Amino acid sequence: MGINIFSLSSLVILVLAFTTVQIAVGGDPDIITDFTSPANGSAANPDFFTFTGMRVLLEEDPSPAFRVLKASMSEFPGLSGQSVSYAVLEFPVGSVNPPHTHPRSAELLFLISGTLEVGFIDTANKLFTQTLQSGDLFVFPKGLVHYQQNVDPQAYSIAVSAFGSANAGTVSVPSSVFASGIPDGILAKSFKTDVATIHAIKTGLAPKP
């Protein structure tokens, strides 16, 4: 029996369309209830939907080093299934949030105070940069490498970031490259340098005692 070429083409198109749709809707899984229940099996109450971890911003002095306060599913289980999370970023003078990615969400940053230089790199290796003033918003597309830096020589900067996922994930470029166990020889060849230089970079990235 011969194969109808039109039927075969239609089948291929259907499969490709279905695959494309599956990719397009990829992200946090939908839930079929109003919300997820607490993991310990207890009944949900107002405390389950409340997060108090940001109170330190009002109770403590500004952080002397760059700091991120997260309200994601790990810290705030009530977000499970809700496809949203937040982070507050504190930038002392001259501090930087090193290049990183969020594999499961775009990031919408709102600069509350100070000045930030921000940037991301697209898949064509093009760099998009901007200097933000207080009140500005900037979007970092999903999965792309990006960074932020406080370029104000005197003022502290604070920003709030919103994510379209309860667990956006963070992949640090320096840590994933130099602190993940990739052999030094491979890194040296990849960056066209020597092993001694790779060791120096790793030493500089090591946590301070």
N, C-alpha and C. Protein backbone atom coordinates (compact mmCIF):
# COMPACT_ATOMS: atom_id res chain seq x y z
N MET A 1 0.85 -1.20 0.00
CA MET A 1 0.00 0.00 0.00
C MET A 1 0.88 1.24 0.00
N GLY A 2 0.57 2.17 -0.90
CA GLY A 2 1.33 3.39 -0.96
C GLY A 2 0.96 4.34 0.16
N ILE A 3 1.85 5.29 0.47
CA ILE A 3 1.62 6.28 1.51
C ILE A 3 1.13 7.56 0.87
N ASN A 4 0.01 8.07 1.33
CA ASN A 4 -0.53 9.33 0.82
C ASN A 4 0.38 10.46 1.28
N ILE A 5 1.05 11.15 0.36
CA ILE A 5 2.03 12.18 0.71
C ILE A 5 1.38 13.34 1.44
N PHE A 6 0.10 13.60 1.10
CA PHE A 6 -0.59 14.71 1.77
C PHE A 6 -0.89 14.36 3.22
N SER A 7 -1.27 13.12 3.48
CA SER A 7 -1.53 12.67 4.85
C SER A 7 -0.25 12.68 5.67
N LEU A 8 0.86 12.24 5.05
CA LEU A 8 2.14 12.22 5.74
C LEU A 8 2.58 13.64 6.10
N SER A 9 2.42 14.58 5.16
CA SER A 9 2.79 15.97 5.42
C SER A 9 1.95 16.56 6.54
N SER A 10 0.65 16.24 6.53
CA SER A 10 -0.23 16.75 7.57
C SER A 10 0.17 16.22 8.93
N LEU A 11 0.57 14.93 8.98
CA LEU A 11 1.00 14.32 10.24
C LEU A 11 2.26 14.99 10.77
N VAL A 12 3.21 15.24 9.87
CA VAL A 12 4.46 15.89 10.27
C VAL A 12 4.18 17.29 10.81
N ILE A 13 3.32 18.05 10.11
CA ILE A 13 2.98 19.40 10.54
C ILE A 13 2.30 19.37 11.90
N LEU A 14 1.41 18.40 12.10
CA LEU A 14 0.70 18.27 13.37
C LEU A 14 1.66 17.99 14.52
N VAL A 15 2.60 17.06 14.27
CA VAL A 15 3.58 16.73 15.31
C VAL A 15 4.44 17.93 15.63
N LEU A 16 4.91 18.66 14.61
CA LEU A 16 5.75 19.83 14.83
C LEU A 16 4.97 20.92 15.57
N ALA A 17 3.71 21.11 15.22
CA ALA A 17 2.89 22.12 15.89
C ALA A 17 2.70 21.77 17.35
N PHE A 18 2.42 20.48 17.62
CA PHE A 18 2.22 20.05 19.00
C PHE A 18 3.50 20.25 19.81
N THR A 19 4.65 19.92 19.21
CA THR A 19 5.92 20.09 19.90
C THR A 19 6.17 21.57 20.20
N THR A 20 5.88 22.44 19.23
CA THR A 20 6.07 23.87 19.42
C THR A 20 5.21 24.39 20.55
N VAL A 21 3.95 23.95 20.59
CA VAL A 21 3.05 24.39 21.66
C VAL A 21 3.57 23.93 23.00
N GLN A 22 4.05 22.69 23.08
CA GLN A 22 4.58 22.17 24.34
C GLN A 22 5.76 23.00 24.82
N ILE A 23 6.62 23.43 23.90
CA ILE A 23 7.77 24.26 24.26
C ILE A 23 7.30 25.63 24.70
N ALA A 24 6.33 26.19 23.98
CA ALA A 24 5.86 27.54 24.26
C ALA A 24 5.23 27.67 25.63
N VAL A 25 4.53 26.61 26.08
CA VAL A 25 3.85 26.70 27.36
C VAL A 25 4.69 26.13 28.50
N GLY A 26 5.94 25.77 28.19
CA GLY A 26 6.82 25.23 29.22
C GLY A 26 7.03 26.23 30.34
N GLY A 27 7.05 25.77 31.56
CA GLY A 27 7.21 26.64 32.73
C GLY A 27 6.64 25.94 33.93
N ASP A 28 6.15 26.72 34.91
CA ASP A 28 5.54 26.11 36.08
C ASP A 28 4.31 25.31 35.66
N PRO A 29 4.14 24.09 36.20
CA PRO A 29 2.96 23.30 35.84
C PRO A 29 1.69 23.94 36.40
N ASP A 30 0.61 23.87 35.64
CA ASP A 30 -0.67 24.37 36.13
C ASP A 30 -1.20 23.46 37.23
N ILE A 31 -1.91 24.04 38.18
CA ILE A 31 -2.56 23.25 39.21
C ILE A 31 -4.06 23.29 38.97
N ILE A 32 -4.77 22.26 39.43
CA ILE A 32 -6.22 22.18 39.20
C ILE A 32 -7.00 22.46 40.47
N THR A 33 -6.32 23.03 41.46
CA THR A 33 -6.97 23.46 42.68
C THR A 33 -6.67 24.94 42.89
N ASP A 34 -7.31 25.55 43.85
CA ASP A 34 -7.08 26.97 44.11
C ASP A 34 -5.63 27.22 44.51
N PHE A 35 -5.06 26.32 45.28
CA PHE A 35 -3.68 26.43 45.75
C PHE A 35 -3.22 25.06 46.20
N THR A 36 -1.91 24.92 46.38
CA THR A 36 -1.37 23.67 46.89
C THR A 36 -1.47 23.65 48.40
N SER A 37 -1.53 22.47 48.97
CA SER A 37 -1.63 22.33 50.42
C SER A 37 -0.25 22.29 51.05
N PRO A 38 -0.13 22.65 52.32
CA PRO A 38 1.16 22.56 53.01
C PRO A 38 1.74 21.15 52.92
N ALA A 39 3.05 21.06 52.80
CA ALA A 39 3.72 19.77 52.61
C ALA A 39 3.55 18.84 53.81
N ASN A 40 3.35 19.42 54.99
CA ASN A 40 3.22 18.57 56.18
C ASN A 40 1.83 17.99 56.35
N GLY A 41 0.94 18.25 55.40
CA GLY A 41 -0.39 17.68 55.44
C GLY A 41 -1.40 18.45 56.27
N SER A 42 -0.96 19.52 56.91
CA SER A 42 -1.89 20.31 57.72
C SER A 42 -2.77 21.18 56.82
N ALA A 43 -3.84 21.70 57.40
CA ALA A 43 -4.74 22.55 56.63
C ALA A 43 -4.11 23.92 56.41
N ALA A 44 -4.37 24.51 55.26
CA ALA A 44 -3.85 25.85 54.97
C ALA A 44 -4.53 26.87 55.86
N ASN A 45 -3.74 27.85 56.31
CA ASN A 45 -4.27 28.95 57.10
C ASN A 45 -3.61 30.23 56.63
N PRO A 46 -3.99 31.39 57.15
CA PRO A 46 -3.39 32.64 56.65
C PRO A 46 -1.86 32.68 56.73
N ASP A 47 -1.28 32.00 57.71
CA ASP A 47 0.18 31.99 57.82
C ASP A 47 0.84 31.34 56.60
N PHE A 48 0.15 30.37 55.98
CA PHE A 48 0.69 29.68 54.81
C PHE A 48 0.84 30.63 53.63
N PHE A 49 0.02 31.67 53.59
CA PHE A 49 0.04 32.62 52.49
C PHE A 49 0.76 33.92 52.85
N THR A 50 1.50 33.91 53.95
CA THR A 50 2.20 35.09 54.43
C THR A 50 3.69 34.82 54.52
N PHE A 51 4.49 35.77 54.05
CA PHE A 51 5.96 35.67 54.12
C PHE A 51 6.50 36.90 54.85
N THR A 52 7.26 36.67 55.89
CA THR A 52 7.77 37.77 56.71
C THR A 52 9.27 37.97 56.57
N GLY A 53 9.88 37.27 55.61
CA GLY A 53 11.34 37.32 55.48
C GLY A 53 11.91 38.64 55.04
N MET A 54 11.06 39.54 54.53
CA MET A 54 11.56 40.84 54.08
C MET A 54 11.58 41.88 55.21
N ARG A 55 11.09 41.52 56.38
CA ARG A 55 11.08 42.48 57.48
C ARG A 55 12.47 42.95 57.86
N VAL A 56 13.47 42.12 57.56
CA VAL A 56 14.85 42.49 57.91
C VAL A 56 15.27 43.77 57.20
N LEU A 57 14.63 44.06 56.08
CA LEU A 57 14.98 45.29 55.36
C LEU A 57 14.65 46.53 56.19
N LEU A 58 13.65 46.42 57.06
CA LEU A 58 13.25 47.54 57.91
C LEU A 58 13.88 47.46 59.29
N GLU A 59 14.31 46.28 59.68
CA GLU A 59 14.80 46.08 61.04
C GLU A 59 16.32 46.15 61.15
N GLU A 60 17.04 45.93 60.04
CA GLU A 60 18.49 45.88 60.07
C GLU A 60 19.09 47.06 59.30
N ASP A 61 20.37 47.31 59.57
CA ASP A 61 21.11 48.30 58.78
C ASP A 61 21.33 47.73 57.37
N PRO A 62 21.54 48.58 56.39
CA PRO A 62 21.80 48.09 55.03
C PRO A 62 22.98 47.11 55.01
N SER A 63 22.88 46.12 54.17
CA SER A 63 23.94 45.12 54.08
C SER A 63 25.23 45.75 53.56
N PRO A 64 26.39 45.41 54.16
CA PRO A 64 27.66 45.98 53.70
C PRO A 64 28.16 45.33 52.40
N ALA A 65 27.54 44.24 51.99
CA ALA A 65 27.91 43.55 50.75
C ALA A 65 26.65 43.30 49.94
N PHE A 66 26.82 43.03 48.66
CA PHE A 66 25.67 42.71 47.82
C PHE A 66 24.89 41.56 48.44
N ARG A 67 23.55 41.72 48.50
CA ARG A 67 22.72 40.69 49.11
C ARG A 67 21.41 40.55 48.34
N VAL A 68 20.94 39.31 48.23
CA VAL A 68 19.64 39.02 47.63
C VAL A 68 18.76 38.36 48.67
N LEU A 69 17.59 38.94 48.90
CA LEU A 69 16.59 38.34 49.77
C LEU A 69 15.50 37.76 48.87
N LYS A 70 15.33 36.44 48.90
CA LYS A 70 14.41 35.78 47.98
C LYS A 70 13.09 35.43 48.66
N ALA A 71 12.03 35.52 47.87
CA ALA A 71 10.73 34.98 48.27
C ALA A 71 10.29 34.07 47.13
N SER A 72 10.92 32.90 47.06
CA SER A 72 10.57 31.90 46.06
C SER A 72 9.92 30.73 46.77
N MET A 73 9.62 29.68 46.04
CA MET A 73 8.91 28.54 46.61
C MET A 73 9.68 27.92 47.76
N SER A 74 11.02 27.97 47.71
CA SER A 74 11.82 27.38 48.78
C SER A 74 11.62 28.11 50.09
N GLU A 75 11.60 29.44 50.03
CA GLU A 75 11.45 30.25 51.24
C GLU A 75 9.98 30.46 51.61
N PHE A 76 9.10 30.40 50.62
CA PHE A 76 7.69 30.75 50.80
C PHE A 76 6.84 29.67 50.12
N PRO A 77 6.59 28.53 50.79
CA PRO A 77 5.88 27.41 50.16
C PRO A 77 4.51 27.76 49.62
N GLY A 78 3.89 28.81 50.13
CA GLY A 78 2.58 29.21 49.63
C GLY A 78 2.60 29.61 48.16
N LEU A 79 3.78 29.87 47.60
CA LEU A 79 3.90 30.25 46.19
C LEU A 79 3.80 29.05 45.25
N SER A 80 3.87 27.85 45.78
CA SER A 80 3.84 26.65 44.94
C SER A 80 2.61 26.64 44.04
N GLY A 81 2.84 26.52 42.75
CA GLY A 81 1.76 26.48 41.78
C GLY A 81 1.24 27.82 41.35
N GLN A 82 1.79 28.91 41.88
CA GLN A 82 1.26 30.25 41.60
C GLN A 82 2.04 31.00 40.52
N SER A 83 3.16 30.46 40.05
CA SER A 83 3.93 31.02 38.94
C SER A 83 4.38 32.46 39.19
N VAL A 84 4.75 32.77 40.42
CA VAL A 84 5.25 34.10 40.74
C VAL A 84 6.21 34.01 41.92
N SER A 85 7.20 34.89 41.94
CA SER A 85 8.13 35.00 43.08
C SER A 85 8.80 36.36 43.01
N TYR A 86 9.46 36.71 44.12
CA TYR A 86 10.10 38.02 44.22
C TYR A 86 11.50 37.88 44.79
N ALA A 87 12.29 38.92 44.59
CA ALA A 87 13.58 39.04 45.24
C ALA A 87 13.87 40.51 45.45
N VAL A 88 14.50 40.83 46.58
CA VAL A 88 14.98 42.19 46.84
C VAL A 88 16.49 42.15 46.76
N LEU A 89 17.06 43.06 45.97
CA LEU A 89 18.50 43.10 45.76
C LEU A 89 19.07 44.37 46.39
N GLU A 90 20.07 44.20 47.24
CA GLU A 90 20.73 45.33 47.90
C GLU A 90 22.13 45.50 47.33
N PHE A 91 22.45 46.71 46.87
CA PHE A 91 23.72 46.99 46.21
C PHE A 91 24.47 48.11 46.94
N PRO A 92 25.45 47.78 47.79
CA PRO A 92 26.32 48.84 48.30
C PRO A 92 27.10 49.48 47.15
N VAL A 93 27.73 50.60 47.42
CA VAL A 93 28.50 51.32 46.40
C VAL A 93 29.53 50.39 45.75
N GLY A 94 29.52 50.35 44.43
CA GLY A 94 30.51 49.58 43.69
C GLY A 94 30.25 48.09 43.60
N SER A 95 29.19 47.59 44.21
CA SER A 95 28.95 46.14 44.22
C SER A 95 28.30 45.69 42.91
N VAL A 96 28.40 44.39 42.66
CA VAL A 96 27.90 43.82 41.42
C VAL A 96 27.18 42.51 41.70
N ASN A 97 26.12 42.28 40.96
CA ASN A 97 25.48 40.97 40.91
C ASN A 97 26.06 40.27 39.69
N PRO A 98 26.96 39.29 39.88
CA PRO A 98 27.72 38.71 38.76
C PRO A 98 26.82 38.11 37.70
N PRO A 99 27.34 37.94 36.48
CA PRO A 99 26.56 37.35 35.40
C PRO A 99 25.93 36.02 35.81
N HIS A 100 24.63 35.88 35.49
CA HIS A 100 23.89 34.69 35.87
C HIS A 100 22.67 34.57 34.96
N THR A 101 21.96 33.47 35.07
CA THR A 101 20.73 33.26 34.30
C THR A 101 19.65 32.72 35.22
N HIS A 102 18.39 32.90 34.78
CA HIS A 102 17.25 32.27 35.43
C HIS A 102 16.59 31.37 34.37
N PRO A 103 16.81 30.07 34.45
CA PRO A 103 16.37 29.19 33.36
C PRO A 103 14.87 29.04 33.21
N ARG A 104 14.10 29.38 34.26
CA ARG A 104 12.66 29.12 34.18
C ARG A 104 11.80 30.38 34.16
N SER A 105 12.41 31.56 34.05
CA SER A 105 11.59 32.77 34.05
C SER A 105 12.36 33.98 33.55
N ALA A 106 11.61 34.92 32.99
CA ALA A 106 12.15 36.26 32.78
C ALA A 106 12.20 36.96 34.13
N GLU A 107 12.94 38.08 34.19
CA GLU A 107 13.04 38.87 35.42
C GLU A 107 12.65 40.31 35.10
N LEU A 108 11.73 40.85 35.87
CA LEU A 108 11.33 42.25 35.74
C LEU A 108 11.84 42.99 36.96
N LEU A 109 12.85 43.84 36.75
CA LEU A 109 13.51 44.55 37.84
C LEU A 109 12.97 45.96 37.97
N PHE A 110 12.62 46.36 39.19
CA PHE A 110 12.14 47.71 39.51
C PHE A 110 13.14 48.34 40.46
N LEU A 111 13.81 49.41 40.01
CA LEU A 111 14.82 50.08 40.83
C LEU A 111 14.13 51.07 41.77
N ILE A 112 14.20 50.80 43.06
CA ILE A 112 13.54 51.64 44.06
C ILE A 112 14.37 52.86 44.40
N SER A 113 15.69 52.67 44.56
CA SER A 113 16.55 53.80 44.91
C SER A 113 17.93 53.59 44.33
N GLY A 114 18.64 54.70 44.08
CA GLY A 114 20.00 54.63 43.57
C GLY A 114 20.05 54.54 42.06
N THR A 115 21.19 54.05 41.58
CA THR A 115 21.46 53.91 40.15
C THR A 115 22.05 52.54 39.89
N LEU A 116 21.61 51.91 38.82
CA LEU A 116 22.17 50.61 38.45
C LEU A 116 22.52 50.59 36.96
N GLU A 117 23.68 50.00 36.66
CA GLU A 117 23.98 49.64 35.28
C GLU A 117 23.59 48.18 35.11
N VAL A 118 22.74 47.89 34.13
CA VAL A 118 22.27 46.53 33.91
C VAL A 118 22.57 46.12 32.48
N GLY A 119 22.60 44.82 32.25
CA GLY A 119 22.84 44.35 30.90
C GLY A 119 22.53 42.88 30.74
N PHE A 120 22.22 42.47 29.50
CA PHE A 120 22.06 41.05 29.19
C PHE A 120 22.62 40.78 27.81
N ILE A 121 22.91 39.51 27.55
CA ILE A 121 23.49 39.08 26.28
C ILE A 121 22.52 38.13 25.60
N ASP A 122 22.16 38.41 24.33
CA ASP A 122 21.23 37.52 23.64
C ASP A 122 21.98 36.36 23.00
N THR A 123 21.23 35.49 22.32
CA THR A 123 21.84 34.29 21.74
C THR A 123 22.70 34.59 20.51
N ALA A 124 22.65 35.83 20.01
CA ALA A 124 23.55 36.25 18.93
C ALA A 124 24.81 36.91 19.51
N ASN A 125 24.96 36.83 20.84
CA ASN A 125 26.11 37.39 21.54
C ASN A 125 26.14 38.92 21.50
N LYS A 126 24.95 39.53 21.41
CA LYS A 126 24.84 40.98 21.44
C LYS A 126 24.53 41.44 22.86
N LEU A 127 25.26 42.46 23.31
CA LEU A 127 25.09 42.98 24.66
C LEU A 127 24.14 44.16 24.66
N PHE A 128 23.13 44.11 25.52
CA PHE A 128 22.18 45.21 25.71
C PHE A 128 22.41 45.79 27.10
N THR A 129 22.78 47.06 27.19
CA THR A 129 23.04 47.67 28.49
C THR A 129 22.18 48.91 28.67
N GLN A 130 21.97 49.26 29.93
CA GLN A 130 21.20 50.45 30.26
C GLN A 130 21.61 50.93 31.65
N THR A 131 21.57 52.23 31.87
CA THR A 131 21.78 52.79 33.20
C THR A 131 20.42 53.22 33.74
N LEU A 132 20.00 52.60 34.82
CA LEU A 132 18.68 52.85 35.39
C LEU A 132 18.73 53.88 36.50
N GLN A 133 17.70 54.69 36.55
CA GLN A 133 17.50 55.63 37.64
C GLN A 133 16.34 55.14 38.52
N SER A 134 16.23 55.70 39.72
CA SER A 134 15.15 55.30 40.62
C SER A 134 13.81 55.43 39.91
N GLY A 135 12.97 54.41 40.04
CA GLY A 135 11.67 54.40 39.40
C GLY A 135 11.63 53.69 38.06
N ASP A 136 12.80 53.33 37.51
CA ASP A 136 12.86 52.64 36.22
C ASP A 136 12.63 51.14 36.38
N LEU A 137 12.11 50.53 35.31
CA LEU A 137 11.98 49.08 35.22
C LEU A 137 12.79 48.57 34.04
N PHE A 138 13.27 47.32 34.16
CA PHE A 138 14.04 46.71 33.08
C PHE A 138 13.72 45.22 33.08
N VAL A 139 13.53 44.65 31.89
CA VAL A 139 13.24 43.23 31.81
C VAL A 139 14.45 42.47 31.27
N PHE A 140 14.78 41.37 31.94
CA PHE A 140 15.81 40.45 31.48
C PHE A 140 15.10 39.23 30.91
N PRO A 141 15.23 38.97 29.60
CA PRO A 141 14.51 37.85 29.00
C PRO A 141 14.91 36.50 29.61
N LYS A 142 13.97 35.61 29.60
CA LYS A 142 14.13 34.28 30.20
C LYS A 142 15.36 33.55 29.69
N GLY A 143 16.18 33.07 30.61
CA GLY A 143 17.30 32.20 30.26
C GLY A 143 18.55 32.89 29.77
N LEU A 144 18.52 34.22 29.57
CA LEU A 144 19.69 34.91 29.04
C LEU A 144 20.61 35.39 30.16
N VAL A 145 21.91 35.36 29.89
CA VAL A 145 22.90 35.81 30.87
C VAL A 145 22.75 37.32 31.09
N HIS A 146 22.73 37.73 32.36
CA HIS A 146 22.58 39.15 32.67
C HIS A 146 23.30 39.50 33.97
N TYR A 147 23.39 40.80 34.25
CA TYR A 147 24.10 41.27 35.45
C TYR A 147 23.53 42.63 35.85
N GLN A 148 23.88 43.07 37.07
CA GLN A 148 23.58 44.43 37.54
C GLN A 148 24.77 44.93 38.35
N GLN A 149 25.01 46.24 38.30
CA GLN A 149 26.10 46.84 39.06
C GLN A 149 25.70 48.24 39.54
N ASN A 150 26.04 48.52 40.81
CA ASN A 150 25.81 49.87 41.34
C ASN A 150 26.95 50.76 40.88
N VAL A 151 26.65 51.71 39.99
CA VAL A 151 27.69 52.58 39.44
C VAL A 151 27.71 53.94 40.12
N ASP A 152 26.84 54.15 41.10
CA ASP A 152 26.83 55.42 41.83
C ASP A 152 27.96 55.41 42.86
N PRO A 153 28.87 56.39 42.84
CA PRO A 153 30.02 56.36 43.77
C PRO A 153 29.65 56.69 45.21
N GLN A 154 28.41 57.07 45.46
CA GLN A 154 28.04 57.48 46.81
C GLN A 154 26.78 56.81 47.36
N ALA A 155 25.81 56.50 46.49
CA ALA A 155 24.49 56.07 46.96
C ALA A 155 24.32 54.56 46.94
N TYR A 156 23.65 54.05 47.95
CA TYR A 156 23.22 52.66 48.04
C TYR A 156 22.06 52.46 47.05
N SER A 157 21.95 51.28 46.46
CA SER A 157 20.87 51.00 45.52
C SER A 157 20.06 49.79 46.00
N ILE A 158 18.75 49.88 45.84
CA ILE A 158 17.86 48.77 46.19
C ILE A 158 16.90 48.54 45.03
N ALA A 159 16.73 47.28 44.66
CA ALA A 159 15.82 46.92 43.57
C ALA A 159 14.95 45.74 43.98
N VAL A 160 13.79 45.66 43.37
CA VAL A 160 12.89 44.53 43.56
C VAL A 160 12.72 43.83 42.21
N SER A 161 12.87 42.51 42.20
CA SER A 161 12.71 41.75 40.97
C SER A 161 11.53 40.80 41.09
N ALA A 162 10.71 40.76 40.04
CA ALA A 162 9.58 39.85 39.97
C ALA A 162 9.86 38.78 38.92
N PHE A 163 9.42 37.55 39.19
CA PHE A 163 9.65 36.42 38.29
C PHE A 163 8.32 35.73 37.99
N GLY A 164 8.19 35.21 36.78
CA GLY A 164 6.99 34.49 36.38
C GLY A 164 7.07 33.02 36.68
N SER A 165 7.71 32.68 37.78
CA SER A 165 7.84 31.30 38.22
C SER A 165 8.03 31.30 39.72
N ALA A 166 7.47 30.30 40.39
CA ALA A 166 7.68 30.18 41.83
C ALA A 166 9.08 29.66 42.13
N ASN A 167 9.77 29.17 41.10
CA ASN A 167 11.11 28.64 41.27
C ASN A 167 11.90 28.95 40.00
N ALA A 168 12.26 30.22 39.83
CA ALA A 168 12.92 30.66 38.59
C ALA A 168 14.30 30.04 38.41
N GLY A 169 14.96 29.71 39.53
CA GLY A 169 16.31 29.16 39.46
C GLY A 169 17.34 30.23 39.16
N THR A 170 18.55 30.05 39.65
CA THR A 170 19.65 30.96 39.37
C THR A 170 20.90 30.15 39.06
N VAL A 171 21.48 30.38 37.91
CA VAL A 171 22.72 29.72 37.51
C VAL A 171 23.80 30.79 37.41
N SER A 172 24.73 30.80 38.36
CA SER A 172 25.82 31.76 38.36
C SER A 172 26.87 31.36 37.33
N VAL A 173 27.19 32.26 36.42
CA VAL A 173 28.17 31.93 35.38
C VAL A 173 29.56 31.67 35.97
N PRO A 174 30.09 32.54 36.85
CA PRO A 174 31.42 32.24 37.41
C PRO A 174 31.46 30.91 38.17
N SER A 175 30.44 30.66 38.99
CA SER A 175 30.44 29.43 39.79
C SER A 175 30.24 28.20 38.92
N SER A 176 29.34 28.28 37.94
CA SER A 176 29.07 27.11 37.11
C SER A 176 30.27 26.76 36.24
N VAL A 177 31.08 27.74 35.90
CA VAL A 177 32.26 27.47 35.06
C VAL A 177 33.46 27.07 35.89
N PHE A 178 33.73 27.83 36.97
CA PHE A 178 34.98 27.64 37.70
C PHE A 178 34.85 26.89 39.02
N ALA A 179 33.64 26.60 39.45
CA ALA A 179 33.49 25.91 40.73
C ALA A 179 32.60 24.68 40.62
N SER A 180 32.56 24.10 39.44
CA SER A 180 31.68 22.95 39.22
C SER A 180 32.43 21.66 38.96
N GLY A 181 33.75 21.70 39.03
CA GLY A 181 34.52 20.48 38.83
C GLY A 181 35.00 20.25 37.41
N ILE A 182 34.76 21.19 36.50
CA ILE A 182 35.31 21.04 35.15
C ILE A 182 36.83 21.02 35.25
N PRO A 183 37.50 20.05 34.64
CA PRO A 183 38.96 19.95 34.75
C PRO A 183 39.68 21.24 34.35
N ASP A 184 40.73 21.58 35.09
CA ASP A 184 41.48 22.81 34.82
C ASP A 184 42.03 22.85 33.41
N GLY A 185 42.46 21.69 32.90
CA GLY A 185 43.01 21.66 31.55
C GLY A 185 41.99 22.06 30.49
N ILE A 186 40.75 21.61 30.67
CA ILE A 186 39.69 21.98 29.73
C ILE A 186 39.40 23.47 29.81
N LEU A 187 39.35 24.00 31.04
CA LEU A 187 39.10 25.44 31.20
C LEU A 187 40.23 26.26 30.58
N ALA A 188 41.47 25.82 30.79
CA ALA A 188 42.62 26.55 30.24
C ALA A 188 42.56 26.59 28.72
N LYS A 189 42.24 25.46 28.10
CA LYS A 189 42.14 25.42 26.64
C LYS A 189 40.96 26.25 26.15
N SER A 190 39.84 26.18 26.87
CA SER A 190 38.63 26.90 26.45
C SER A 190 38.82 28.40 26.49
N PHE A 191 39.55 28.88 27.52
CA PHE A 191 39.77 30.32 27.66
C PHE A 191 41.12 30.76 27.09
N LYS A 192 41.81 29.83 26.42
CA LYS A 192 43.09 30.11 25.77
C LYS A 192 44.07 30.75 26.76
N THR A 193 44.22 30.09 27.89
CA THR A 193 45.16 30.55 28.91
C THR A 193 45.85 29.32 29.50
N ASP A 194 46.49 29.48 30.65
CA ASP A 194 47.18 28.35 31.27
C ASP A 194 46.50 27.95 32.57
N VAL A 195 46.89 26.80 33.08
CA VAL A 195 46.28 26.26 34.29
C VAL A 195 46.53 27.16 35.49
N ALA A 196 47.70 27.80 35.54
CA ALA A 196 48.00 28.70 36.66
C ALA A 196 46.99 29.84 36.74
N THR A 197 46.61 30.37 35.59
CA THR A 197 45.61 31.44 35.55
C THR A 197 44.25 30.93 36.03
N ILE A 198 43.89 29.73 35.63
CA ILE A 198 42.63 29.12 36.08
C ILE A 198 42.65 28.97 37.60
N HIS A 199 43.78 28.52 38.15
CA HIS A 199 43.90 28.38 39.61
C HIS A 199 43.73 29.74 40.29
N ALA A 200 44.29 30.78 39.72
CA ALA A 200 44.19 32.12 40.30
C ALA A 200 42.73 32.60 40.30
N ILE A 201 42.00 32.30 39.22
CA ILE A 201 40.59 32.70 39.15
C ILE A 201 39.79 31.93 40.21
N LYS A 202 40.05 30.65 40.34
CA LYS A 202 39.33 29.84 41.33
C LYS A 202 39.62 30.32 42.74
N THR A 203 40.85 30.71 42.99
CA THR A 203 41.20 31.22 44.31
C THR A 203 40.44 32.51 44.61
N GLY A 204 40.32 33.35 43.59
CA GLY A 204 39.61 34.61 43.79
C GLY A 204 38.12 34.41 44.02
N LEU A 205 37.55 33.32 43.51
CA LEU A 205 36.12 33.03 43.67
C LEU A 205 35.82 32.28 44.95
N ALA A 206 36.84 31.75 45.61
CA ALA A 206 36.62 30.96 46.82
C ALA A 206 36.02 31.83 47.92
N PRO A 207 35.08 31.28 48.71
CA PRO A 207 34.47 32.06 49.80
C PRO A 207 35.51 32.55 50.79
N LYS A 208 35.35 33.80 51.21
CA LYS A 208 36.29 34.35 52.19
C LYS A 208 35.99 33.78 53.57
N PRO A 209 37.05 33.41 54.33
CA PRO A 209 36.83 32.83 55.67
C PRO A 209 36.25 33.84 56.63
